[in-house]
Amino acid sequence: MTTFKKIFRGPLFHRVDKKVTRWMADNAIRLIRISIGIIFFWFGFLKFFPGVSPAETLAIKTIDTITLGLVSEQFIIYGLAILESIIGLLLIFNLFLREALLLLFVQMIGTITPLFLYPSEVFTAVPYGLTLEGQYIVKNLVIISGALAIGATVRGAKIRFESEHYDSLNT
């Protein structure tokens, strides 16, 4: 057995890896939920301060278009600030998860809309070259995926670590 295999496939590695894997299974959803909550709260809170949020202009423009100009810019930005901050707090504190995820997914529809309404503002070369605003939007795919994982657990489901299965794969 090579030194590499002794270190990375030996019994010590296997024991440590098993403990780390179990820890990840026990904590992943909570950490995803809190992380997404922090992101939502942080980005929402920024919107309370005009000109601080990098997404402010595009968000206002998008919602103004969607609402046919019937909603004031101030209402749009403060409404988004409140919505995103509430989503963040609900996720951080593990409150009303179904409702928080519903609000998150509705908000995500609005967030992704500029890809279709304003391609020249989110792409340097359609469909692959992204501007900074485009990157800001596309990174939400990770948030959506994390929210789906959280949603899969709202009725009590858990990520399960099956030691017997793990042992049979790594012996």
C-alpha atoms as a PDB file:
ATOM      1  CA  MET A   1       0.000   0.000   0.000  1.00  0.00           C
ATOM      2  CA  THR A   2       1.396   3.388  -0.953  1.00  0.00           C
ATOM      3  CA  THR A   3       1.828   6.138   1.618  1.00  0.00           C
ATOM      4  CA  PHE A   4      -1.013   8.050  -0.041  1.00  0.00           C
ATOM      5  CA  LYS A   5      -3.394   5.119   0.384  1.00  0.00           C
ATOM      6  CA  LYS A   6      -2.247   4.546   3.964  1.00  0.00           C
ATOM      7  CA  ILE A   7      -3.055   8.145   4.834  1.00  0.00           C
ATOM      8  CA  PHE A   8      -6.199   8.677   2.764  1.00  0.00           C
ATOM      9  CA  ARG A   9      -7.728   5.216   2.849  1.00  0.00           C
ATOM     10  CA  GLY A  10      -6.385   3.829   6.092  1.00  0.00           C
ATOM     11  CA  PRO A  11      -8.358   3.146   9.280  1.00  0.00           C
ATOM     12  CA  LEU A  12      -7.627   6.534  10.869  1.00  0.00           C
ATOM     13  CA  PHE A  13      -8.861   8.382   7.790  1.00  0.00           C
ATOM     14  CA  HIS A  14     -11.922   6.150   7.670  1.00  0.00           C
ATOM     15  CA  ARG A  15     -12.828   6.883  11.324  1.00  0.00           C
ATOM     16  CA  VAL A  16     -12.318  10.633  10.924  1.00  0.00           C
ATOM     17  CA  ASP A  17     -14.150  10.694   7.600  1.00  0.00           C
ATOM     18  CA  LYS A  18     -17.082   8.810   9.107  1.00  0.00           C
ATOM     19  CA  LYS A  19     -17.363  11.302  11.992  1.00  0.00           C
ATOM     20  CA  VAL A  20     -17.099  14.286   9.644  1.00  0.00           C
ATOM     21  CA  THR A  21     -19.693  12.800   7.292  1.00  0.00           C
ATOM     22  CA  ARG A  22     -22.070  12.157  10.173  1.00  0.00           C
ATOM     23  CA  TRP A  23     -21.562  15.746  11.404  1.00  0.00           C
ATOM     24  CA  MET A  24     -22.337  17.075   7.918  1.00  0.00           C
ATOM     25  CA  ALA A  25     -25.522  14.977   7.727  1.00  0.00           C
ATOM     26  CA  ASP A  26     -26.601  16.245  11.144  1.00  0.00           C
ATOM     27  CA  ASN A  27     -25.881  19.927  10.464  1.00  0.00           C
ATOM     28  CA  ALA A  28     -26.061  20.653   6.725  1.00  0.00           C
ATOM     29  CA  ILE A  29     -29.699  21.737   6.488  1.00  0.00           C
ATOM     30  CA  ARG A  30     -29.461  23.980   9.551  1.00  0.00           C
ATOM     31  CA  LEU A  31     -26.318  25.632   8.210  1.00  0.00           C
ATOM     32  CA  ILE A  32     -27.836  26.105   4.742  1.00  0.00           C
ATOM     33  CA  ARG A  33     -30.977  27.615   6.307  1.00  0.00           C
ATOM     34  CA  ILE A  34     -29.010  30.023   8.489  1.00  0.00           C
ATOM     35  CA  SER A  35     -26.640  30.947   5.641  1.00  0.00           C
ATOM     36  CA  ILE A  36     -29.471  31.732   3.235  1.00  0.00           C
ATOM     37  CA  GLY A  37     -31.203  33.618   6.037  1.00  0.00           C
ATOM     38  CA  ILE A  38     -28.121  35.762   6.624  1.00  0.00           C
ATOM     39  CA  ILE A  39     -27.838  36.507   2.900  1.00  0.00           C
ATOM     40  CA  PHE A  40     -31.500  37.528   2.676  1.00  0.00           C
ATOM     41  CA  PHE A  41     -31.400  39.610   5.819  1.00  0.00           C
ATOM     42  CA  TRP A  42     -28.146  41.314   4.822  1.00  0.00           C
ATOM     43  CA  PHE A  43     -29.224  42.109   1.256  1.00  0.00           C
ATOM     44  CA  GLY A  44     -32.672  43.183   2.442  1.00  0.00           C
ATOM     45  CA  PHE A  45     -31.263  45.405   5.177  1.00  0.00           C
ATOM     46  CA  LEU A  46     -28.993  47.152   2.640  1.00  0.00           C
ATOM     47  CA  LYS A  47     -32.077  48.225   0.702  1.00  0.00           C
ATOM     48  CA  PHE A  48     -33.197  50.400   3.629  1.00  0.00           C
ATOM     49  CA  PHE A  49     -30.270  52.694   2.792  1.00  0.00           C
ATOM     50  CA  PRO A  50     -30.644  54.326  -0.658  1.00  0.00           C
ATOM     51  CA  GLY A  51     -27.742  53.736  -3.005  1.00  0.00           C
ATOM     52  CA  VAL A  52     -26.059  51.054  -0.855  1.00  0.00           C
ATOM     53  CA  SER A  53     -27.505  47.903  -2.429  1.00  0.00           C
ATOM     54  CA  PRO A  54     -25.820  46.982  -5.721  1.00  0.00           C
ATOM     55  CA  ALA A  55     -29.103  45.489  -6.947  1.00  0.00           C
ATOM     56  CA  GLU A  56     -31.255  48.503  -6.138  1.00  0.00           C
ATOM     57  CA  THR A  57     -31.494  50.098  -9.576  1.00  0.00           C
ATOM     58  CA  LEU A  58     -32.170  46.869 -11.460  1.00  0.00           C
ATOM     59  CA  ALA A  59     -34.677  45.710  -8.819  1.00  0.00           C
ATOM     60  CA  ILE A  60     -36.612  48.975  -9.029  1.00  0.00           C
ATOM     61  CA  LYS A  61     -36.573  48.914 -12.829  1.00  0.00           C
ATOM     62  CA  THR A  62     -37.765  45.299 -12.945  1.00  0.00           C
ATOM     63  CA  ILE A  63     -40.610  45.727 -10.454  1.00  0.00           C
ATOM     64  CA  ASP A  64     -41.607  49.012 -12.086  1.00  0.00           C
ATOM     65  CA  THR A  65     -41.953  47.146 -15.401  1.00  0.00           C
ATOM     66  CA  ILE A  66     -43.822  44.207 -13.855  1.00  0.00           C
ATOM     67  CA  THR A  67     -46.278  46.522 -12.051  1.00  0.00           C
ATOM     68  CA  LEU A  68     -46.694  48.721 -15.152  1.00  0.00           C
ATOM     69  CA  GLY A  69     -45.344  51.730 -13.282  1.00  0.00           C
ATOM     70  CA  LEU A  70     -48.193  51.725 -10.769  1.00  0.00           C
ATOM     71  CA  VAL A  71     -45.930  51.446  -7.717  1.00  0.00           C
ATOM     72  CA  SER A  72     -43.568  54.159  -6.550  1.00  0.00           C
ATOM     73  CA  GLU A  73     -39.817  53.543  -6.477  1.00  0.00           C
ATOM     74  CA  GLN A  74     -39.741  54.202  -2.745  1.00  0.00           C
ATOM     75  CA  PHE A  75     -42.471  51.620  -2.105  1.00  0.00           C
ATOM     76  CA  ILE A  76     -40.655  49.103  -4.313  1.00  0.00           C
ATOM     77  CA  ILE A  77     -37.300  49.385  -2.585  1.00  0.00           C
ATOM     78  CA  TYR A  78     -38.692  49.531   0.963  1.00  0.00           C
ATOM     79  CA  GLY A  79     -41.104  46.711   0.151  1.00  0.00           C
ATOM     80  CA  LEU A  80     -38.200  44.581  -1.055  1.00  0.00           C
ATOM     81  CA  ALA A  81     -36.161  45.547   1.988  1.00  0.00           C
ATOM     82  CA  ILE A  82     -38.948  44.452   4.315  1.00  0.00           C
ATOM     83  CA  LEU A  83     -39.700  41.262   2.359  1.00  0.00           C
ATOM     84  CA  GLU A  84     -36.080  40.121   2.152  1.00  0.00           C
ATOM     85  CA  SER A  85     -35.370  41.019   5.783  1.00  0.00           C
ATOM     86  CA  ILE A  86     -38.421  39.072   6.953  1.00  0.00           C
ATOM     87  CA  ILE A  87     -37.447  36.040   4.840  1.00  0.00           C
ATOM     88  CA  GLY A  88     -33.955  36.225   6.315  1.00  0.00           C
ATOM     89  CA  LEU A  89     -35.133  36.458   9.917  1.00  0.00           C
ATOM     90  CA  LEU A  90     -37.622  33.616   9.482  1.00  0.00           C
ATOM     91  CA  LEU A  91     -34.887  31.387   8.078  1.00  0.00           C
ATOM     92  CA  ILE A  92     -32.293  32.355  10.670  1.00  0.00           C
ATOM     93  CA  PHE A  93     -34.652  31.711  13.566  1.00  0.00           C
ATOM     94  CA  ASN A  94     -36.337  28.657  11.986  1.00  0.00           C
ATOM     95  CA  LEU A  95     -39.812  30.191  12.086  1.00  0.00           C
ATOM     96  CA  PHE A  96     -42.713  29.566   9.681  1.00  0.00           C
ATOM     97  CA  LEU A  97     -40.424  27.746   7.231  1.00  0.00           C
ATOM     98  CA  ARG A  98     -43.127  26.869   4.700  1.00  0.00           C
ATOM     99  CA  GLU A  99     -44.207  30.494   4.528  1.00  0.00           C
ATOM    100  CA  ALA A 100     -40.619  31.757   4.445  1.00  0.00           C
ATOM    101  CA  LEU A 101     -39.790  29.414   1.557  1.00  0.00           C
ATOM    102  CA  LEU A 102     -42.923  30.437  -0.329  1.00  0.00           C
ATOM    103  CA  LEU A 103     -41.913  34.099   0.022  1.00  0.00           C
ATOM    104  CA  LEU A 104     -38.342  33.206  -0.981  1.00  0.00           C
ATOM    105  CA  PHE A 105     -39.468  31.452  -4.163  1.00  0.00           C
ATOM    106  CA  VAL A 106     -41.817  34.323  -5.097  1.00  0.00           C
ATOM    107  CA  GLN A 107     -38.965  36.776  -4.527  1.00  0.00           C
ATOM    108  CA  MET A 108     -36.678  34.599  -6.658  1.00  0.00           C
ATOM    109  CA  ILE A 109     -39.098  34.837  -9.589  1.00  0.00           C
ATOM    110  CA  GLY A 110     -38.680  38.612  -9.456  1.00  0.00           C
ATOM    111  CA  THR A 111     -34.930  38.285  -9.058  1.00  0.00           C
ATOM    112  CA  ILE A 112     -34.556  36.120 -12.166  1.00  0.00           C
ATOM    113  CA  THR A 113     -36.909  38.238 -14.305  1.00  0.00           C
ATOM    114  CA  PRO A 114     -34.208  40.729 -15.466  1.00  0.00           C
ATOM    115  CA  LEU A 115     -32.508  37.881 -17.350  1.00  0.00           C
ATOM    116  CA  PHE A 116     -35.503  37.995 -19.693  1.00  0.00           C
ATOM    117  CA  LEU A 117     -36.569  41.649 -19.477  1.00  0.00           C
ATOM    118  CA  TYR A 118     -33.135  43.265 -19.654  1.00  0.00           C
ATOM    119  CA  PRO A 119     -30.657  40.858 -21.269  1.00  0.00           C
ATOM    120  CA  SER A 120     -28.414  43.732 -22.349  1.00  0.00           C
ATOM    121  CA  GLU A 121     -27.974  44.724 -18.689  1.00  0.00           C
ATOM    122  CA  VAL A 122     -27.195  41.257 -17.365  1.00  0.00           C
ATOM    123  CA  PHE A 123     -25.198  39.758 -20.236  1.00  0.00           C
ATOM    124  CA  THR A 124     -22.056  40.955 -21.954  1.00  0.00           C
ATOM    125  CA  ALA A 125     -22.644  38.211 -24.523  1.00  0.00           C
ATOM    126  CA  VAL A 126     -26.017  36.426 -24.474  1.00  0.00           C
ATOM    127  CA  PRO A 127     -26.399  33.710 -23.115  1.00  0.00           C
ATOM    128  CA  TYR A 128     -23.048  33.066 -21.447  1.00  0.00           C
ATOM    129  CA  GLY A 129     -21.172  36.298 -20.663  1.00  0.00           C
ATOM    130  CA  LEU A 130     -22.570  37.821 -17.482  1.00  0.00           C
ATOM    131  CA  THR A 131     -22.249  41.357 -16.180  1.00  0.00           C
ATOM    132  CA  LEU A 132     -21.797  41.848 -12.445  1.00  0.00           C
ATOM    133  CA  GLU A 133     -25.584  42.201 -12.159  1.00  0.00           C
ATOM    134  CA  GLY A 134     -26.017  38.978 -14.139  1.00  0.00           C
ATOM    135  CA  GLN A 135     -23.636  37.157 -11.828  1.00  0.00           C
ATOM    136  CA  TYR A 136     -25.582  38.537  -8.872  1.00  0.00           C
ATOM    137  CA  ILE A 137     -28.731  36.988 -10.358  1.00  0.00           C
ATOM    138  CA  VAL A 138     -27.280  33.637 -11.456  1.00  0.00           C
ATOM    139  CA  LYS A 139     -25.743  32.946  -8.026  1.00  0.00           C
ATOM    140  CA  ASN A 140     -29.323  32.628  -6.851  1.00  0.00           C
ATOM    141  CA  LEU A 141     -29.376  29.145  -8.382  1.00  0.00           C
ATOM    142  CA  VAL A 142     -27.420  28.039  -5.314  1.00  0.00           C
ATOM    143  CA  ILE A 143     -29.940  29.752  -3.027  1.00  0.00           C
ATOM    144  CA  ILE A 144     -32.838  28.110  -4.873  1.00  0.00           C
ATOM    145  CA  SER A 145     -31.167  24.690  -4.580  1.00  0.00           C
ATOM    146  CA  GLY A 146     -30.506  25.230  -0.878  1.00  0.00           C
ATOM    147  CA  ALA A 147     -34.099  26.336  -0.348  1.00  0.00           C
ATOM    148  CA  LEU A 148     -35.306  23.161  -2.074  1.00  0.00           C
ATOM    149  CA  ALA A 149     -33.159  21.091   0.308  1.00  0.00           C
ATOM    150  CA  ILE A 150     -34.604  22.990   3.273  1.00  0.00           C
ATOM    151  CA  GLY A 151     -38.102  22.538   1.873  1.00  0.00           C
ATOM    152  CA  ALA A 152     -37.560  18.791   1.672  1.00  0.00           C
ATOM    153  CA  THR A 153     -37.172  18.773   5.471  1.00  0.00           C
ATOM    154  CA  VAL A 154     -40.039  20.997   6.637  1.00  0.00           C
ATOM    155  CA  ARG A 155     -42.219  17.992   7.414  1.00  0.00           C
ATOM    156  CA  GLY A 156     -39.545  16.394   9.545  1.00  0.00           C
ATOM    157  CA  ALA A 157     -37.419  14.598   6.951  1.00  0.00           C
ATOM    158  CA  LYS A 158     -33.721  14.479   7.750  1.00  0.00           C
ATOM    159  CA  ILE A 159     -30.507  13.771   5.922  1.00  0.00           C
ATOM    160  CA  ARG A 160     -29.723  10.279   7.082  1.00  0.00           C
ATOM    161  CA  PHE A 161     -26.302   8.869   7.739  1.00  0.00           C
ATOM    162  CA  GLU A 162     -26.434   5.113   7.357  1.00  0.00           C
ATOM    163  CA  SER A 163     -23.306   3.747   8.944  1.00  0.00           C
ATOM    164  CA  GLU A 164     -23.762   0.246   7.528  1.00  0.00           C
ATOM    165  CA  HIS A 165     -24.084   1.555   3.976  1.00  0.00           C
ATOM    166  CA  TYR A 166     -21.135   3.869   4.481  1.00  0.00           C
ATOM    167  CA  ASP A 167     -19.006   1.045   5.889  1.00  0.00           C
ATOM    168  CA  SER A 168     -19.779  -1.215   2.927  1.00  0.00           C
ATOM    169  CA  LEU A 169     -18.676   1.486   0.466  1.00  0.00           C
ATOM    170  CA  ASN A 170     -15.399   2.342   2.150  1.00  0.00           C
ATOM    171  CA  THR A 171     -13.874  -0.841   3.471  1.00  0.00           C
END
